[in-house]
Structure formats: C-alpha cells, structure tokens
PDB file of N, CA and C in Angstrom:
ATOM      1  N   MET A   1      -1.568 -18.289  19.838  1.00  0.00           N
ATOM      2  CA  MET A   1      -1.255 -17.922  19.020  1.00  0.00           C
ATOM      3  C   MET A   1      -1.065 -16.465  18.902  1.00  0.00           C
ATOM      4  N   THR A   2       0.160 -16.277  17.360  1.00  0.00           N
ATOM      5  CA  THR A   2       0.363 -14.772  17.328  1.00  0.00           C
ATOM      6  C   THR A   2      -0.827 -14.367  16.468  1.00  0.00           C
ATOM      7  N   PRO A   3      -0.526 -12.882  16.882  1.00  0.00           N
ATOM      8  CA  PRO A   3      -1.566 -12.148  15.936  1.00  0.00           C
ATOM      9  C   PRO A   3      -1.181 -11.443  14.574  1.00  0.00           C
ATOM     10  N   HIS A   4      -2.066 -11.516  13.934  1.00  0.00           N
ATOM     11  CA  HIS A   4      -1.986 -11.442  12.439  1.00  0.00           C
ATOM     12  C   HIS A   4      -1.782 -10.018  12.066  1.00  0.00           C
ATOM     13  N   ARG A   5      -0.503 -10.077  11.332  1.00  0.00           N
ATOM     14  CA  ARG A   5      -0.077  -8.445  10.963  1.00  0.00           C
ATOM     15  C   ARG A   5      -0.266  -7.959   9.890  1.00  0.00           C
ATOM     16  N   ARG A   6      -1.374  -6.817   9.467  1.00  0.00           N
ATOM     17  CA  ARG A   6      -1.976  -6.503   8.400  1.00  0.00           C
ATOM     18  C   ARG A   6      -1.425  -5.109   8.108  1.00  0.00           C
ATOM     19  N   PHE A   7      -1.114  -4.698   6.586  1.00  0.00           N
ATOM     20  CA  PHE A   7      -0.224  -3.490   6.086  1.00  0.00           C
ATOM     21  C   PHE A   7      -1.691  -2.844   5.679  1.00  0.00           C
ATOM     22  N   TYR A   8      -1.377  -1.385   5.665  1.00  0.00           N
ATOM     23  CA  TYR A   8      -2.091  -0.750   5.141  1.00  0.00           C
ATOM     24  C   TYR A   8      -1.802   0.846   4.883  1.00  0.00           C
ATOM     25  N   LEU A   9      -1.874   0.702   3.359  1.00  0.00           N
ATOM     26  CA  LEU A   9      -1.206   2.185   2.578  1.00  0.00           C
ATOM     27  C   LEU A   9      -1.732   3.351   3.279  1.00  0.00           C
ATOM     28  N   ARG A  10      -0.735   4.225   3.407  1.00  0.00           N
ATOM     29  CA  ARG A  10      -1.137   6.051   4.383  1.00  0.00           C
ATOM     30  C   ARG A  10      -1.189   6.506   3.091  1.00  0.00           C
ATOM     31  N   ALA A  11      -1.925   6.676   2.672  1.00  0.00           N
ATOM     32  CA  ALA A  11      -2.248   7.199   1.271  1.00  0.00           C
ATOM     33  C   ALA A  11      -2.012   8.697   1.150  1.00  0.00           C
ATOM     34  N   ASP A  12      -2.011   9.215   2.300  1.00  0.00           N
ATOM     35  CA  ASP A  12      -1.871  11.050   2.249  1.00  0.00           C
ATOM     36  C   ASP A  12      -0.309  10.723   1.866  1.00  0.00           C
ATOM     37  N   THR A  13       0.863   9.839   2.430  1.00  0.00           N
ATOM     38  CA  THR A  13       2.042   9.994   1.604  1.00  0.00           C
ATOM     39  C   THR A  13       2.235   9.491   0.217  1.00  0.00           C
ATOM     40  N   VAL A  14       1.663   8.654  -0.439  1.00  0.00           N
ATOM     41  CA  VAL A  14       1.641   8.451  -1.627  1.00  0.00           C
ATOM     42  C   VAL A  14       0.879   9.434  -2.290  1.00  0.00           C
ATOM     43  N   GLN A  15      -0.220   9.798  -2.208  1.00  0.00           N
ATOM     44  CA  GLN A  15      -0.752  10.816  -2.522  1.00  0.00           C
ATOM     45  C   GLN A  15      -0.208  12.358  -3.083  1.00  0.00           C
ATOM     46  N   ALA A  16       0.858  12.814  -2.077  1.00  0.00           N
ATOM     47  CA  ALA A  16       1.991  13.910  -1.724  1.00  0.00           C
ATOM     48  C   ALA A  16       2.688  13.191  -3.894  1.00  0.00           C
ATOM     49  N   ALA A  17       3.388  11.996  -3.140  1.00  0.00           N
ATOM     50  CA  ALA A  17       4.114  11.314  -3.958  1.00  0.00           C
ATOM     51  C   ALA A  17       3.776  11.868  -5.281  1.00  0.00           C
ATOM     52  N   LEU A  18       2.231  11.092  -5.758  1.00  0.00           N
ATOM     53  CA  LEU A  18       2.011  11.178  -7.218  1.00  0.00           C
ATOM     54  C   LEU A  18       1.459  13.340  -7.355  1.00  0.00           C
ATOM     55  N   ASP A  19       1.105  13.583  -6.822  1.00  0.00           N
ATOM     56  CA  ASP A  19       1.233  14.855  -7.405  1.00  0.00           C
ATOM     57  C   ASP A  19       2.450  15.649  -7.527  1.00  0.00           C
ATOM     58  N   ARG A  20       3.621  15.542  -6.691  1.00  0.00           N
ATOM     59  CA  ARG A  20       4.719  15.486  -6.667  1.00  0.00           C
ATOM     60  C   ARG A  20       5.436  15.423  -8.113  1.00  0.00           C
ATOM     61  N   HIS A  21       4.883  13.949  -8.975  1.00  0.00           N
ATOM     62  CA  HIS A  21       5.494  13.591  -9.885  1.00  0.00           C
ATOM     63  C   HIS A  21       4.580  13.961 -11.139  1.00  0.00           C
ATOM     64  N   HIS A  22       3.395  14.722 -10.681  1.00  0.00           N
ATOM     65  CA  HIS A  22       2.067  14.777 -11.608  1.00  0.00           C
ATOM     66  C   HIS A  22       1.284  13.316 -12.191  1.00  0.00           C
ATOM     67  N   LEU A  23       1.673  12.404 -11.553  1.00  0.00           N
ATOM     68  CA  LEU A  23       0.699  10.831 -12.015  1.00  0.00           C
ATOM     69  C   LEU A  23      -0.692  10.815 -11.588  1.00  0.00           C
ATOM     70  N   THR A  24      -1.565  10.655 -12.165  1.00  0.00           N
ATOM     71  CA  THR A  24      -2.627   9.547 -12.012  1.00  0.00           C
ATOM     72  C   THR A  24      -2.727   8.519 -11.276  1.00  0.00           C
ATOM     73  N   HIS A  25      -3.454   8.043 -10.941  1.00  0.00           N
ATOM     74  CA  HIS A  25      -3.630   7.125 -10.083  1.00  0.00           C
ATOM     75  C   HIS A  25      -3.473   5.774 -10.589  1.00  0.00           C
ATOM     76  N   MET A  26      -4.595   5.846 -12.309  1.00  0.00           N
ATOM     77  CA  MET A  26      -4.621   5.150 -12.839  1.00  0.00           C
ATOM     78  C   MET A  26      -2.873   4.736 -13.444  1.00  0.00           C
ATOM     79  N   LEU A  27      -2.301   5.697 -14.002  1.00  0.00           N
ATOM     80  CA  LEU A  27      -0.666   5.421 -14.316  1.00  0.00           C
ATOM     81  C   LEU A  27       0.370   5.150 -13.206  1.00  0.00           C
ATOM     82  N   PHE A  28      -0.254   5.279 -12.219  1.00  0.00           N
ATOM     83  CA  PHE A  28       0.587   4.931 -10.461  1.00  0.00           C
ATOM     84  C   PHE A  28       0.172   3.576 -10.899  1.00  0.00           C
ATOM     85  N   ALA A  29      -1.554   2.904 -10.985  1.00  0.00           N
ATOM     86  CA  ALA A  29      -1.436   1.410 -10.561  1.00  0.00           C
ATOM     87  C   ALA A  29      -0.841   0.667 -11.562  1.00  0.00           C
ATOM     88  N   ASP A  30      -0.602   1.373 -12.588  1.00  0.00           N
ATOM     89  CA  ASP A  30      -0.175   0.857 -13.757  1.00  0.00           C
ATOM     90  C   ASP A  30       1.455   0.693 -13.849  1.00  0.00           C
ATOM     91  N   HIS A  31       2.302   1.474 -13.358  1.00  0.00           N
ATOM     92  CA  HIS A  31       3.553   1.395 -12.841  1.00  0.00           C
ATOM     93  C   HIS A  31       3.711   0.259 -12.157  1.00  0.00           C
ATOM     94  N   LEU A  32       2.810  -0.396 -11.147  1.00  0.00           N
ATOM     95  CA  LEU A  32       2.523  -0.952  -9.998  1.00  0.00           C
ATOM     96  C   LEU A  32       2.339  -2.686 -10.815  1.00  0.00           C
ATOM     97  N   GLY A  33       1.762  -2.225 -11.783  1.00  0.00           N
ATOM     98  CA  GLY A  33       1.281  -3.652 -12.301  1.00  0.00           C
ATOM     99  C   GLY A  33      -0.133  -4.079 -11.723  1.00  0.00           C
ATOM    100  N   LEU A  34      -0.573  -3.083 -11.052  1.00  0.00           N
ATOM    101  CA  LEU A  34      -1.937  -3.605 -10.675  1.00  0.00           C
ATOM    102  C   LEU A  34      -3.011  -3.210 -11.105  1.00  0.00           C
ATOM    103  N   SER A  35      -4.210  -3.521 -11.094  1.00  0.00           N
ATOM    104  CA  SER A  35      -5.302  -2.937 -11.701  1.00  0.00           C
ATOM    105  C   SER A  35      -5.707  -1.792 -10.938  1.00  0.00           C
ATOM    106  N   ARG A  36      -6.096  -0.897 -11.837  1.00  0.00           N
ATOM    107  CA  ARG A  36      -7.066   0.566 -11.200  1.00  0.00           C
ATOM    108  C   ARG A  36      -8.174  -0.091 -10.093  1.00  0.00           C
ATOM    109  N   SER A  37      -9.122  -1.325 -10.240  1.00  0.00           N
ATOM    110  CA  SER A  37      -9.583  -1.592  -9.094  1.00  0.00           C
ATOM    111  C   SER A  37      -9.319  -1.889  -7.958  1.00  0.00           C
ATOM    112  N   TYR A  38      -8.145  -2.700  -8.050  1.00  0.00           N
ATOM    113  CA  TYR A  38      -7.425  -3.475  -6.912  1.00  0.00           C
ATOM    114  C   TYR A  38      -6.486  -1.569  -6.215  1.00  0.00           C
ATOM    115  N   TRP A  39      -6.286  -1.316  -6.989  1.00  0.00           N
ATOM    116  CA  TRP A  39      -5.617  -0.095  -6.424  1.00  0.00           C
ATOM    117  C   TRP A  39      -6.155   0.892  -5.907  1.00  0.00           C
ATOM    118  N   SER A  40      -7.333   1.500  -6.540  1.00  0.00           N
ATOM    119  CA  SER A  40      -8.658   1.953  -5.195  1.00  0.00           C
ATOM    120  C   SER A  40      -8.972   1.210  -4.032  1.00  0.00           C
ATOM    121  N   GLN A  41      -9.016   0.210  -3.998  1.00  0.00           N
ATOM    122  CA  GLN A  41      -9.490  -0.777  -2.694  1.00  0.00           C
ATOM    123  C   GLN A  41      -7.895  -0.545  -1.800  1.00  0.00           C
ATOM    124  N   VAL A  42      -6.653  -0.662  -2.400  1.00  0.00           N
ATOM    125  CA  VAL A  42      -5.355  -0.610  -1.316  1.00  0.00           C
ATOM    126  C   VAL A  42      -5.321   1.262  -0.989  1.00  0.00           C
ATOM    127  N   PHE A  43      -5.987   1.678  -1.449  1.00  0.00           N
ATOM    128  CA  PHE A  43      -5.600   3.301  -1.813  1.00  0.00           C
ATOM    129  C   PHE A  43      -6.480   3.664  -0.428  1.00  0.00           C
ATOM    130  N   ASN A  44      -7.465   3.069  -0.670  1.00  0.00           N
ATOM    131  CA  ASN A  44      -9.083   3.822  -0.168  1.00  0.00           C
ATOM    132  C   ASN A  44      -8.854   2.678   1.259  1.00  0.00           C
ATOM    133  N   ARG A  45      -7.802   1.781   1.717  1.00  0.00           N
ATOM    134  CA  ARG A  45      -7.626   1.159   3.437  1.00  0.00           C
ATOM    135  C   ARG A  45      -8.918   0.263   3.092  1.00  0.00           C
ATOM    136  N   HIS A  46      -9.549  -0.738   1.944  1.00  0.00           N
ATOM    137  CA  HIS A  46     -10.090  -1.657   1.974  1.00  0.00           C
ATOM    138  C   HIS A  46      -9.603  -2.416   1.946  1.00  0.00           C
ATOM    139  N   ARG A  47      -8.131  -2.877   1.611  1.00  0.00           N
ATOM    140  CA  ARG A  47      -7.667  -4.067   0.971  1.00  0.00           C
ATOM    141  C   ARG A  47      -6.268  -3.774   1.916  1.00  0.00           C
ATOM    142  N   ALA A  48      -5.971  -5.026   2.553  1.00  0.00           N
ATOM    143  CA  ALA A  48      -4.369  -4.654   3.171  1.00  0.00           C
ATOM    144  C   ALA A  48      -3.684  -4.802   2.125  1.00  0.00           C
ATOM    145  N   LEU A  49      -2.456  -4.314   2.428  1.00  0.00           N
ATOM    146  CA  LEU A  49      -0.969  -4.685   1.043  1.00  0.00           C
ATOM    147  C   LEU A  49      -0.341  -5.649   1.541  1.00  0.00           C
ATOM    148  N   SER A  50      -0.283  -6.631   0.578  1.00  0.00           N
ATOM    149  CA  SER A  50       0.307  -7.755   0.234  1.00  0.00           C
ATOM    150  C   SER A  50       1.339  -7.831   0.466  1.00  0.00           C
ATOM    151  N   PRO A  51       2.281  -8.983   0.768  1.00  0.00           N
ATOM    152  CA  PRO A  51       3.780  -8.610   0.780  1.00  0.00           C
ATOM    153  C   PRO A  51       4.341  -8.370  -0.375  1.00  0.00           C
ATOM    154  N   ASP A  52       3.810  -8.678  -1.733  1.00  0.00           N
ATOM    155  CA  ASP A  52       4.226  -8.249  -3.166  1.00  0.00           C
ATOM    156  C   ASP A  52       4.089  -6.704  -3.573  1.00  0.00           C
ATOM    157  N   VAL A  53       3.155  -6.372  -3.013  1.00  0.00           N
ATOM    158  CA  VAL A  53       2.255  -4.628  -3.389  1.00  0.00           C
ATOM    159  C   VAL A  53       3.531  -4.177  -2.175  1.00  0.00           C
ATOM    160  N   ARG A  54       3.678  -4.366  -1.070  1.00  0.00           N
ATOM    161  CA  ARG A  54       4.348  -3.811  -0.164  1.00  0.00           C
ATOM    162  C   ARG A  54       6.205  -3.572  -0.823  1.00  0.00           C
ATOM    163  N   ARG A  55       6.601  -5.133  -1.351  1.00  0.00           N
ATOM    164  CA  ARG A  55       7.743  -4.509  -2.480  1.00  0.00           C
ATOM    165  C   ARG A  55       7.810  -3.347  -3.596  1.00  0.00           C
ATOM    166  N   ASP A  56       6.678  -3.644  -4.079  1.00  0.00           N
ATOM    167  CA  ASP A  56       6.644  -3.206  -5.793  1.00  0.00           C
ATOM    168  C   ASP A  56       6.501  -1.531  -4.783  1.00  0.00           C
ATOM    169  N   LEU A  57       6.225  -0.955  -3.807  1.00  0.00           N
ATOM    170  CA  LEU A  57       5.682   0.440  -3.448  1.00  0.00           C
ATOM    171  C   LEU A  57       7.470   0.401  -3.186  1.00  0.00           C
ATOM    172  N   LEU A  58       8.233  -0.211  -2.323  1.00  0.00           N
ATOM    173  CA  LEU A  58       9.487  -0.155  -2.051  1.00  0.00           C
ATOM    174  C   LEU A  58      10.538  -0.013  -3.021  1.00  0.00           C
ATOM    175  N   ALA A  59      10.200  -0.388  -4.195  1.00  0.00           N
ATOM    176  CA  ALA A  59      10.986  -0.379  -5.313  1.00  0.00           C
ATOM    177  C   ALA A  59      10.678   0.582  -6.550  1.00  0.00           C
ATOM    178  N   SER A  60       9.721   1.310  -5.762  1.00  0.00           N
ATOM    179  CA  SER A  60       9.083   2.360  -7.264  1.00  0.00           C
ATOM    180  C   SER A  60      10.206   3.240  -7.226  1.00  0.00           C
ATOM    181  N   ARG A  61      10.667   3.925  -7.736  1.00  0.00           N
ATOM    182  CA  ARG A  61      11.340   5.251  -8.353  1.00  0.00           C
ATOM    183  C   ARG A  61      10.416   6.145  -7.700  1.00  0.00           C
ATOM    184  N   TYR A  62       9.051   6.438  -7.859  1.00  0.00           N
ATOM    185  CA  TYR A  62       8.122   7.220  -7.454  1.00  0.00           C
ATOM    186  C   TYR A  62       8.467   7.389  -6.224  1.00  0.00           C
ATOM    187  N   LEU A  63       8.398   6.439  -5.538  1.00  0.00           N
ATOM    188  CA  LEU A  63       8.557   6.720  -3.630  1.00  0.00           C
ATOM    189  C   LEU A  63       9.946   6.491  -3.370  1.00  0.00           C
ATOM    190  N   ARG A  64      11.044   6.338  -3.455  1.00  0.00           N
ATOM    191  CA  ARG A  64      12.452   6.189  -3.605  1.00  0.00           C
ATOM    192  C   ARG A  64      12.461   7.497  -2.271  1.00  0.00           C
ATOM    193  N   GLY A  65      13.310   6.820  -1.884  1.00  0.00           N
ATOM    194  CA  GLY A  65      13.531   7.866  -0.626  1.00  0.00           C
ATOM    195  C   GLY A  65      12.050   7.577   0.809  1.00  0.00           C
ATOM    196  N   VAL A  66      11.068   7.191   0.350  1.00  0.00           N
ATOM    197  CA  VAL A  66      10.489   7.231   1.607  1.00  0.00           C
ATOM    198  C   VAL A  66      10.370   6.074   2.642  1.00  0.00           C
ATOM    199  N   SER A  67      10.047   5.737   3.601  1.00  0.00           N
ATOM    200  CA  SER A  67      10.397   5.114   4.252  1.00  0.00           C
ATOM    201  C   SER A  67       9.187   4.284   4.422  1.00  0.00           C
ATOM    202  N   GLU A  68       9.333   3.072   5.109  1.00  0.00           N
ATOM    203  CA  GLU A  68       8.513   1.746   5.466  1.00  0.00           C
ATOM    204  C   GLU A  68       7.064   2.484   6.544  1.00  0.00           C
ATOM    205  N   ALA A  69       7.385   3.122   7.122  1.00  0.00           N
ATOM    206  CA  ALA A  69       7.013   3.663   8.388  1.00  0.00           C
ATOM    207  C   ALA A  69       6.175   4.889   7.905  1.00  0.00           C
ATOM    208  N   ASP A  70       6.600   5.183   7.214  1.00  0.00           N
ATOM    209  CA  ASP A  70       5.788   6.396   6.131  1.00  0.00           C
ATOM    210  C   ASP A  70       4.546   6.199   5.254  1.00  0.00           C
ATOM    211  N   LEU A  71       5.372   4.644   4.707  1.00  0.00           N
ATOM    212  CA  LEU A  71       4.532   3.834   3.372  1.00  0.00           C
ATOM    213  C   LEU A  71       3.339   3.205   3.661  1.00  0.00           C
ATOM    214  N   TRP A  72       3.045   3.110   4.609  1.00  0.00           N
ATOM    215  CA  TRP A  72       2.221   2.156   5.702  1.00  0.00           C
ATOM    216  C   TRP A  72       1.996   1.736   7.110  1.00  0.00           C
ATOM    217  N   ASP A  73       0.689   1.811   7.692  1.00  0.00           N
ATOM    218  CA  ASP A  73       0.510   1.282   8.856  1.00  0.00           C
ATOM    219  C   ASP A  73       0.577  -0.090   9.093  1.00  0.00           C
ATOM    220  N   VAL A  74       0.651  -0.689  10.313  1.00  0.00           N
ATOM    221  CA  VAL A  74       0.798  -1.928  10.520  1.00  0.00           C
ATOM    222  C   VAL A  74      -0.231  -2.071  11.865  1.00  0.00           C
ATOM    223  N   VAL A  75      -1.370  -3.114  11.453  1.00  0.00           N
ATOM    224  CA  VAL A  75      -2.192  -3.393  12.552  1.00  0.00           C
ATOM    225  C   VAL A  75      -2.071  -4.752  12.805  1.00  0.00           C
ATOM    226  N   GLU A  76      -2.256  -4.837  14.246  1.00  0.00           N
ATOM    227  CA  GLU A  76      -2.103  -6.073  14.573  1.00  0.00           C
ATOM    228  C   GLU A  76      -3.554  -6.529  15.146  1.00  0.00           C
ATOM    229  N   ALA A  77      -3.711  -8.089  14.195  1.00  0.00           N
ATOM    230  CA  ALA A  77      -5.763  -8.114  14.381  1.00  0.00           C
ATOM    231  C   ALA A  77      -5.051 -10.009  14.925  1.00  0.00           C
ATOM    232  N   ALA A  78      -5.999 -10.210  16.220  1.00  0.00           N
ATOM    233  CA  ALA A  78      -6.087 -11.466  16.310  1.00  0.00           C
ATOM    234  C   ALA A  78      -6.782 -12.700  15.836  1.00  0.00           C
ATOM    235  N   PRO A  79      -6.420 -13.540  15.738  1.00  0.00           N
ATOM    236  CA  PRO A  79      -6.357 -14.395  14.320  1.00  0.00           C
ATOM    237  C   PRO A  79      -7.840 -14.805  14.504  1.00  0.00           C
ATOM    238  N   ALA A  80      -8.629 -15.222  14.066  1.00  0.00           N
ATOM    239  CA  ALA A  80      -9.667 -16.019  14.413  1.00  0.00           C
ATOM    240  C   ALA A  80      -9.868 -17.450  14.730  1.00  0.00           C
ATOM    241  N   SER A  81     -10.608 -16.997  16.054  1.00  0.00           N
ATOM    242  CA  SER A  81     -10.281 -18.791  16.847  1.00  0.00           C
ATOM    243  C   SER A  81     -11.085 -20.072  15.893  1.00  0.00           C
ATOM    244  N   ALA A  82     -10.619 -21.124  15.901  1.00  0.00           N
ATOM    245  CA  ALA A  82     -10.816 -22.267  15.539  1.00  0.00           C
ATOM    246  C   ALA A  82     -11.990 -22.760  16.042  1.00  0.00           C
ATOM    247  N   PRO A  83     -13.332 -23.204  14.994  1.00  0.00           N
ATOM    248  CA  PRO A  83     -14.472 -23.816  15.485  1.00  0.00           C
ATOM    249  C   PRO A  83     -13.900 -25.092  16.541  1.00  0.00           C
TER     250      PRO A  83
END
C-alpha cells in the first residue's frame, strides 16, 4: 500500500504574509472562505490541509509568489492496516 500524504501549513510563512499585508487571522480566514475555527486548526497544525484549501492558498493574492514548499510541509503517514 502507498503511504498517505498529509499537508501541514507552515505558519511562519503565512504569518509573515499576514503581517506584511496588515491582515488579521479573521480577515484572512474570511478571504479564504473558511471559518475562524477551521483556520485556527489549520494554522496551528491540528488539521491537515485539504486539496481545496491548498488551492485557495496558492490562489490567494496575499500569498502571490510564495511557493508550495514554503507554504506547507508534506508528511508521509503509513495507511491504517485493515482489521
């Protein structure tokens, strides 16, 4: 079986962009179309990034020019074994 890949936000990169654009986390979550609660979980690495959120981050005008490698870490996790 192939391992599952999980993508976790690199908060330092995003925080630098928010600071540069004078944005709060609430405004950025609204910009991405996410709830503040969900954004908090993603930002604090309690939840992996979904494909939709990864696409939204790449399309964000506030993160223009930031590469995927700078936006998230990829973690390979072994799939759960079948019972």
